[in-house]
Amino acid sequence: LVIINLSSTPMDREAAVLIRAKAGEAMSKIVERVREKVS
């Protein structure tokens, strides 16, 4: 489970990855890095 959120959630303990950021900004950076890796 990956959680991307600015504040805590009831599921935070269950997350394998926890990212404290705005989801849109975090996903843009993640997609950019994935594209770099597969290119």
PDB file of N, CA and C in Angstrom:
ATOM      1  N   LEU A   1       0.844  -1.183   0.000  1.00  0.00           N
ATOM      2  CA  LEU A   1       0.000   0.000   0.000  1.00  0.00           C
ATOM      3  C   LEU A   1       0.882   1.236   0.000  1.00  0.00           C
ATOM      4  N   VAL A   2       0.606   2.150  -0.908  1.00  0.00           N
ATOM      5  CA  VAL A   2       1.301   3.435  -0.971  1.00  0.00           C
ATOM      6  C   VAL A   2       0.274   4.524  -0.695  1.00  0.00           C
ATOM      7  N   ILE A   3       0.590   5.403   0.246  1.00  0.00           N
ATOM      8  CA  ILE A   3      -0.295   6.518   0.565  1.00  0.00           C
ATOM      9  C   ILE A   3       0.427   7.815   0.237  1.00  0.00           C
ATOM     10  N   ILE A   4      -0.240   8.652  -0.561  1.00  0.00           N
ATOM     11  CA  ILE A   4       0.259   9.994  -0.860  1.00  0.00           C
ATOM     12  C   ILE A   4      -0.797  10.956  -0.339  1.00  0.00           C
ATOM     13  N   ASN A   5      -0.431  11.712   0.702  1.00  0.00           N
ATOM     14  CA  ASN A   5      -1.392  12.606   1.333  1.00  0.00           C
ATOM     15  C   ASN A   5      -0.645  13.621   2.175  1.00  0.00           C
ATOM     16  N   LEU A   6      -1.187  14.817   2.310  1.00  0.00           N
ATOM     17  CA  LEU A   6      -0.533  15.841   3.124  1.00  0.00           C
ATOM     18  C   LEU A   6      -0.660  15.565   4.619  1.00  0.00           C
ATOM     19  N   SER A   7      -1.759  14.960   5.016  1.00  0.00           N
ATOM     20  CA  SER A   7      -1.977  14.711   6.443  1.00  0.00           C
ATOM     21  C   SER A   7      -2.084  13.217   6.710  1.00  0.00           C
ATOM     22  N   SER A   8      -2.079  12.871   7.961  1.00  0.00           N
ATOM     23  CA  SER A   8      -2.137  11.454   8.326  1.00  0.00           C
ATOM     24  C   SER A   8      -3.512  10.873   8.020  1.00  0.00           C
ATOM     25  N   THR A   9      -3.524   9.552   7.839  1.00  0.00           N
ATOM     26  CA  THR A   9      -4.768   8.833   7.578  1.00  0.00           C
ATOM     27  C   THR A   9      -4.833   7.637   8.521  1.00  0.00           C
ATOM     28  N   PRO A  10      -6.000   7.067   8.703  1.00  0.00           N
ATOM     29  CA  PRO A  10      -6.111   5.882   9.552  1.00  0.00           C
ATOM     30  C   PRO A  10      -5.318   4.681   9.012  1.00  0.00           C
ATOM     31  N   MET A  11      -4.977   4.698   7.730  1.00  0.00           N
ATOM     32  CA  MET A  11      -4.277   3.575   7.112  1.00  0.00           C
ATOM     33  C   MET A  11      -2.760   3.741   7.082  1.00  0.00           C
ATOM     34  N   ASP A  12      -2.228   4.834   7.609  1.00  0.00           N
ATOM     35  CA  ASP A  12      -0.785   5.089   7.553  1.00  0.00           C
ATOM     36  C   ASP A  12       0.040   3.920   8.084  1.00  0.00           C
ATOM     37  N   ARG A  13      -0.405   3.287   9.129  1.00  0.00           N
ATOM     38  CA  ARG A  13       0.337   2.152   9.711  1.00  0.00           C
ATOM     39  C   ARG A  13       0.457   0.980   8.752  1.00  0.00           C
ATOM     40  N   GLU A  14      -0.493   0.860   7.860  1.00  0.00           N
ATOM     41  CA  GLU A  14      -0.520  -0.262   6.924  1.00  0.00           C
ATOM     42  C   GLU A  14       0.330  -0.010   5.676  1.00  0.00           C
ATOM     43  N   ALA A  15       0.732   1.220   5.460  1.00  0.00           N
ATOM     44  CA  ALA A  15       1.421   1.591   4.222  1.00  0.00           C
ATOM     45  C   ALA A  15       2.853   1.078   4.186  1.00  0.00           C
ATOM     46  N   ALA A  16       3.245   0.558   3.040  1.00  0.00           N
ATOM     47  CA  ALA A  16       4.647   0.196   2.802  1.00  0.00           C
ATOM     48  C   ALA A  16       5.437   1.447   2.462  1.00  0.00           C
ATOM     49  N   VAL A  17       4.766   2.408   1.809  1.00  0.00           N
ATOM     50  CA  VAL A  17       5.376   3.691   1.450  1.00  0.00           C
ATOM     51  C   VAL A  17       4.393   4.788   1.831  1.00  0.00           C
ATOM     52  N   LEU A  18       4.910   5.811   2.505  1.00  0.00           N
ATOM     53  CA  LEU A  18       4.089   6.941   2.934  1.00  0.00           C
ATOM     54  C   LEU A  18       4.761   8.221   2.449  1.00  0.00           C
ATOM     55  N   ILE A  19       4.067   8.967   1.599  1.00  0.00           N
ATOM     56  CA  ILE A  19       4.609  10.197   1.025  1.00  0.00           C
ATOM     57  C   ILE A  19       3.738  11.357   1.490  1.00  0.00           C
ATOM     58  N   ARG A  20       4.357  12.306   2.173  1.00  0.00           N
ATOM     59  CA  ARG A  20       3.644  13.497   2.641  1.00  0.00           C
ATOM     60  C   ARG A  20       3.827  14.612   1.617  1.00  0.00           C
ATOM     61  N   ALA A  21       2.894  14.693   0.683  1.00  0.00           N
ATOM     62  CA  ALA A  21       2.940  15.698  -0.376  1.00  0.00           C
ATOM     63  C   ALA A  21       1.560  15.766  -1.016  1.00  0.00           C
ATOM     64  N   LYS A  22       1.385  16.766  -1.857  1.00  0.00           N
ATOM     65  CA  LYS A  22       0.166  16.830  -2.652  1.00  0.00           C
ATOM     66  C   LYS A  22       0.236  15.708  -3.680  1.00  0.00           C
ATOM     67  N   ALA A  23      -0.841  14.971  -3.832  1.00  0.00           N
ATOM     68  CA  ALA A  23      -0.843  13.786  -4.692  1.00  0.00           C
ATOM     69  C   ALA A  23      -0.476  14.117  -6.136  1.00  0.00           C
ATOM     70  N   GLY A  24      -1.034  15.178  -6.683  1.00  0.00           N
ATOM     71  CA  GLY A  24      -0.744  15.538  -8.069  1.00  0.00           C
ATOM     72  C   GLY A  24       0.726  15.843  -8.292  1.00  0.00           C
ATOM     73  N   GLU A  25       1.326  16.587  -7.360  1.00  0.00           N
ATOM     74  CA  GLU A  25       2.746  16.923  -7.475  1.00  0.00           C
ATOM     75  C   GLU A  25       3.618  15.682  -7.328  1.00  0.00           C
ATOM     76  N   ALA A  26       3.295  14.848  -6.351  1.00  0.00           N
ATOM     77  CA  ALA A  26       4.082  13.636  -6.125  1.00  0.00           C
ATOM     78  C   ALA A  26       3.987  12.698  -7.324  1.00  0.00           C
ATOM     79  N   MET A  27       2.790  12.508  -7.857  1.00  0.00           N
ATOM     80  CA  MET A  27       2.622  11.605  -8.988  1.00  0.00           C
ATOM     81  C   MET A  27       3.340  12.121 -10.226  1.00  0.00           C
ATOM     82  N   SER A  28       3.343  13.430 -10.437  1.00  0.00           N
ATOM     83  CA  SER A  28       4.074  13.996 -11.577  1.00  0.00           C
ATOM     84  C   SER A  28       5.552  13.659 -11.487  1.00  0.00           C
ATOM     85  N   LYS A  29       6.125  13.792 -10.299  1.00  0.00           N
ATOM     86  CA  LYS A  29       7.542  13.480 -10.107  1.00  0.00           C
ATOM     87  C   LYS A  29       7.808  11.986 -10.260  1.00  0.00           C
ATOM     88  N   ILE A  30       6.903  11.166  -9.746  1.00  0.00           N
ATOM     89  CA  ILE A  30       7.060   9.714  -9.859  1.00  0.00           C
ATOM     90  C   ILE A  30       7.021   9.292 -11.325  1.00  0.00           C
ATOM     91  N   VAL A  31       6.061   9.805 -12.079  1.00  0.00           N
ATOM     92  CA  VAL A  31       5.944   9.472 -13.502  1.00  0.00           C
ATOM     93  C   VAL A  31       7.191   9.924 -14.252  1.00  0.00           C
ATOM     94  N   GLU A  32       7.695  11.109 -13.928  1.00  0.00           N
ATOM     95  CA  GLU A  32       8.910  11.613 -14.571  1.00  0.00           C
ATOM     96  C   GLU A  32      10.083  10.665 -14.337  1.00  0.00           C
ATOM     97  N   ARG A  33      10.255  10.211 -13.108  1.00  0.00           N
ATOM     98  CA  ARG A  33      11.365   9.301 -12.785  1.00  0.00           C
ATOM     99  C   ARG A  33      11.208   7.957 -13.477  1.00  0.00           C
ATOM    100  N   VAL A  34       9.988   7.437 -13.532  1.00  0.00           N
ATOM    101  CA  VAL A  34       9.751   6.155 -14.203  1.00  0.00           C
ATOM    102  C   VAL A  34      10.081   6.280 -15.685  1.00  0.00           C
ATOM    103  N   ARG A  35       9.670   7.367 -16.300  1.00  0.00           N
ATOM    104  CA  ARG A  35       9.978   7.578 -17.722  1.00  0.00           C
ATOM    105  C   ARG A  35      11.480   7.640 -17.957  1.00  0.00           C
ATOM    106  N   GLU A  36      12.223   8.275 -17.048  1.00  0.00           N
ATOM    107  CA  GLU A  36      13.685   8.323 -17.167  1.00  0.00           C
ATOM    108  C   GLU A  36      14.273   6.916 -17.114  1.00  0.00           C
ATOM    109  N   LYS A  37      13.752   6.086 -16.225  1.00  0.00           N
ATOM    110  CA  LYS A  37      14.283   4.732 -16.038  1.00  0.00           C
ATOM    111  C   LYS A  37      14.015   3.828 -17.233  1.00  0.00           C
ATOM    112  N   VAL A  38      12.867   3.982 -17.883  1.00  0.00           N
ATOM    113  CA  VAL A  38      12.517   3.088 -18.988  1.00  0.00           C
ATOM    114  C   VAL A  38      13.009   3.596 -20.340  1.00  0.00           C
ATOM    115  N   SER A  39      13.500   4.803 -20.380  1.00  0.00           N
ATOM    116  CA  SER A  39      13.996   5.365 -21.652  1.00  0.00           C
ATOM    117  C   SER A  39      15.376   4.859 -21.973  1.00  0.00           C
TER     118      SER A  39
END
